[in-house]
Amino acid sequence: MATKKDLVIVILATFCLALTLFTVLPTHSSAGTASEYDPWADINDDGKIDMKDISYAARLFGAYGDPTKSVTVNDNWTEGNSTFSLSFTDSQTYTIPVGGFKTATFTIFAETRTGFDLSLDVGWLTTGSLVDHTSILLHYYETIISLPGGEIFYRYRYRSTFDVTSSAMAITIQGNGTLIYPTTNGTFFYHLNT
């Protein structure tokens, strides 16, 4: 038969067991936290800000030094360029793999003697097939008179950024030469970013 003494022992044992379980099981609730996780405050980079981080900072309390921190930057961009010289109305197409990037920026500088519009075509390729394209006409922005002959040159400049929507991008530049002034010269630059 159970006595009062046995009942008190059972209650105390249950209380001790419950207390042990609550202190052993960690809680990851955000209740009581004042702010979000800050990786710069996580000194030992273990994914949590705890007494190990605080004790390290406390040991160094009052120290002086250079506040510059080393930062590793991932190689998450690429760029390139190419020059072109187009005769009459020839064209040059640049196919650029853009898979894995978010934006593609390209810049074109060109010079002709005609002053006619320069034609660009920006296309998106998926598995080698054209899925979408935009045609652009460039007007010259500047005229240059060379001395001593007084020849006139027309300069073109174009820069645009596109969101990447496929695995490759095709830029086609078409010359605007004539029989008298046949050549279009320029440089094409591109920059891809994540």
Protein backbone atom coordinates (compact mmCIF):
# COMPACT_ATOMS: atom_id res chain seq x y z
CA MET A 1 0.00 0.00 0.00
CA ALA A 2 1.30 3.43 -0.96
CA THR A 3 1.92 5.83 1.82
CA LYS A 4 2.17 9.60 1.84
CA LYS A 5 5.92 9.22 1.90
CA ASP A 6 5.85 7.14 -1.32
CA LEU A 7 3.55 9.69 -2.97
CA VAL A 8 5.90 12.59 -2.11
CA ILE A 9 8.88 10.62 -3.50
CA VAL A 10 7.01 9.94 -6.77
CA ILE A 11 6.03 13.62 -7.11
CA LEU A 12 9.60 14.81 -6.39
CA ALA A 13 11.07 12.27 -8.85
CA THR A 14 8.60 13.38 -11.54
CA PHE A 15 9.43 17.03 -10.88
CA CYS A 16 13.19 16.35 -11.09
CA LEU A 17 12.78 14.36 -14.30
CA ALA A 18 10.66 17.11 -15.90
CA LEU A 19 13.16 19.78 -14.81
CA THR A 20 16.04 17.74 -16.27
CA LEU A 21 14.26 17.33 -19.62
CA PHE A 22 13.51 21.05 -19.92
CA THR A 23 17.11 22.04 -19.20
CA VAL A 24 18.59 19.41 -21.55
CA LEU A 25 16.34 20.03 -24.59
CA PRO A 26 17.46 23.24 -26.33
CA THR A 27 14.85 25.60 -27.64
CA HIS A 28 15.31 27.47 -30.91
CA SER A 29 12.37 29.79 -30.59
CA SER A 30 12.82 33.41 -31.54
CA ALA A 31 10.84 34.65 -28.58
CA GLY A 32 12.92 37.09 -26.60
CA THR A 33 15.48 37.80 -29.34
CA ALA A 34 15.89 41.49 -30.05
CA SER A 35 17.11 41.29 -33.67
CA GLU A 36 17.90 39.06 -36.63
CA TYR A 37 21.03 36.98 -37.01
CA ASP A 38 24.09 39.09 -37.92
CA PRO A 39 26.96 37.05 -39.41
CA TRP A 40 29.46 39.78 -38.46
CA ALA A 41 28.58 39.27 -34.78
CA ASP A 42 29.02 35.48 -35.04
CA ILE A 43 32.74 35.50 -34.21
CA ASN A 44 33.33 31.74 -34.55
CA ASP A 45 31.02 31.30 -37.59
CA ASP A 46 28.99 28.47 -36.07
CA GLY A 47 25.63 29.87 -37.18
CA LYS A 48 24.50 31.17 -33.81
CA ILE A 49 25.42 34.06 -31.58
CA ASP A 50 26.01 32.65 -28.11
CA MET A 51 28.27 32.92 -25.05
CA LYS A 52 31.30 31.69 -27.04
CA ASP A 53 31.06 34.79 -29.23
CA ILE A 54 30.48 37.07 -26.25
CA SER A 55 33.34 35.56 -24.22
CA TYR A 56 35.75 36.06 -27.13
CA ALA A 57 34.71 39.69 -27.45
CA ALA A 58 34.97 40.13 -23.67
CA ARG A 59 38.55 38.77 -23.64
CA LEU A 60 39.52 41.35 -26.28
CA PHE A 61 37.66 44.22 -24.64
CA GLY A 62 39.72 47.42 -24.73
CA ALA A 63 42.08 46.27 -27.51
CA TYR A 64 42.96 48.64 -30.37
CA GLY A 65 43.81 47.99 -34.02
CA ASP A 66 42.91 48.37 -37.68
CA PRO A 67 39.12 47.80 -38.15
CA THR A 68 39.54 46.54 -41.74
CA LYS A 69 38.03 43.07 -42.23
CA SER A 70 39.02 40.58 -44.89
CA VAL A 71 36.16 39.89 -47.29
CA THR A 72 36.13 37.15 -49.91
CA VAL A 73 34.34 38.11 -53.12
CA ASN A 74 33.07 35.28 -55.27
CA ASP A 75 33.99 35.27 -58.95
CA ASN A 76 30.44 35.99 -60.08
CA TRP A 77 30.91 38.12 -63.19
CA THR A 78 32.58 37.98 -66.57
CA GLU A 79 33.27 40.45 -69.32
CA GLY A 80 34.78 40.67 -72.77
CA ASN A 81 35.20 42.82 -75.85
CA SER A 82 35.87 42.64 -79.56
CA THR A 83 36.57 45.12 -82.35
CA PHE A 84 34.76 45.03 -85.67
CA SER A 85 35.21 46.48 -89.14
CA LEU A 86 32.22 45.98 -91.41
CA SER A 87 32.15 46.65 -95.16
CA PHE A 88 29.02 48.04 -96.80
CA THR A 89 26.08 46.37 -95.07
CA ASP A 90 27.91 43.30 -93.75
CA SER A 91 27.02 42.17 -90.25
CA GLN A 92 28.87 40.69 -87.29
CA THR A 93 27.13 38.46 -84.72
CA TYR A 94 28.48 37.88 -81.22
CA THR A 95 27.05 34.87 -79.37
CA ILE A 96 27.62 35.09 -75.62
CA PRO A 97 26.82 32.27 -73.17
CA VAL A 98 24.83 33.92 -70.37
CA GLY A 99 23.48 30.90 -68.44
CA GLY A 100 23.78 31.36 -64.67
CA PHE A 101 23.89 35.16 -64.85
CA LYS A 102 21.09 37.60 -63.96
CA THR A 103 21.98 40.59 -66.12
CA ALA A 104 23.87 41.23 -69.35
CA THR A 105 25.12 44.72 -70.17
CA PHE A 106 26.59 45.54 -73.54
CA THR A 107 28.14 48.70 -74.92
CA ILE A 108 28.93 49.54 -78.54
CA PHE A 109 31.15 52.34 -79.81
CA ALA A 110 31.25 52.78 -83.60
CA GLU A 111 32.39 55.28 -86.18
CA THR A 112 31.38 55.74 -89.84
CA ARG A 113 31.60 58.36 -92.55
CA THR A 114 27.97 58.04 -93.71
CA GLY A 115 25.86 59.25 -90.77
CA PHE A 116 23.20 56.65 -91.55
CA ASP A 117 21.55 54.71 -88.70
CA LEU A 118 23.45 51.70 -87.39
CA SER A 119 21.32 48.57 -86.96
CA LEU A 120 21.54 46.27 -83.92
CA ASP A 121 19.64 43.09 -83.16
CA VAL A 122 19.62 41.65 -79.63
CA GLY A 123 18.43 38.05 -79.53
CA TRP A 124 18.00 35.34 -76.91
CA LEU A 125 18.94 31.75 -77.74
CA THR A 126 17.76 28.55 -76.09
CA THR A 127 19.49 25.35 -77.21
CA GLY A 128 20.84 27.21 -80.23
CA SER A 129 17.48 28.49 -81.49
CA LEU A 130 16.40 32.13 -81.46
CA VAL A 131 13.44 32.52 -79.08
CA ASP A 132 13.12 36.31 -78.88
CA HIS A 133 14.83 39.39 -80.29
CA THR A 134 14.75 43.18 -80.29
CA SER A 135 15.85 45.40 -83.19
CA ILE A 136 17.46 48.74 -82.38
CA LEU A 137 18.43 51.63 -84.70
CA LEU A 138 21.33 53.76 -83.47
CA HIS A 139 21.61 57.40 -84.46
CA TYR A 140 25.00 59.10 -84.34
CA TYR A 141 25.57 61.28 -81.29
CA GLU A 142 28.62 63.24 -82.41
CA THR A 143 30.33 64.45 -85.56
CA ILE A 144 34.08 64.89 -85.80
CA ILE A 145 35.86 66.86 -88.51
CA SER A 146 39.39 65.62 -89.05
CA LEU A 147 42.10 68.02 -90.13
CA PRO A 148 43.77 68.76 -92.47
CA GLY A 149 41.43 67.05 -94.98
CA GLY A 150 38.17 68.13 -93.35
CA GLU A 151 36.69 64.62 -93.47
CA ILE A 152 33.57 64.13 -91.34
CA PHE A 153 33.18 61.10 -89.08
CA TYR A 154 29.99 60.13 -87.25
CA ARG A 155 30.23 58.46 -83.86
CA TYR A 156 27.75 56.05 -82.32
CA ARG A 157 27.45 54.93 -78.73
CA TYR A 158 24.93 52.52 -77.21
CA ARG A 159 24.69 50.87 -73.80
CA SER A 160 21.90 48.74 -72.40
CA THR A 161 21.33 46.19 -69.62
CA PHE A 162 19.04 43.21 -70.10
CA ASP A 163 17.68 40.63 -67.66
CA VAL A 164 18.95 37.21 -68.73
CA THR A 165 16.09 35.01 -69.95
CA SER A 166 17.92 32.18 -71.73
CA SER A 167 21.20 30.31 -72.00
CA ALA A 168 22.82 32.55 -74.65
CA MET A 169 22.56 36.03 -76.08
CA ALA A 170 23.23 37.00 -79.72
CA ILE A 171 24.14 40.58 -80.63
CA THR A 172 24.20 41.38 -84.36
CA ILE A 173 25.70 44.65 -85.61
CA GLN A 174 25.02 45.59 -89.21
CA GLY A 175 27.21 48.08 -91.06
CA ASN A 176 25.83 51.18 -92.74
CA GLY A 177 28.43 51.74 -95.43
CA THR A 178 27.96 53.10 -98.93
CA LEU A 179 29.99 52.72 -102.12
CA ILE A 180 31.86 55.96 -101.34
CA TYR A 181 32.33 55.33 -97.60
CA PRO A 182 32.08 51.54 -97.16
CA THR A 183 33.48 50.88 -93.67
CA THR A 184 31.92 50.85 -90.20
CA ASN A 185 34.48 50.41 -87.40
CA GLY A 186 33.84 49.92 -83.72
CA THR A 187 34.23 48.03 -80.47
CA PHE A 188 31.71 45.80 -78.68
CA PHE A 189 31.93 45.29 -74.88
CA TYR A 190 29.86 43.02 -72.65
CA HIS A 191 29.57 42.49 -68.90
CA LEU A 192 27.63 39.63 -67.25
CA ASN A 193 26.66 39.75 -63.59
CA THR A 194 24.86 37.49 -61.09
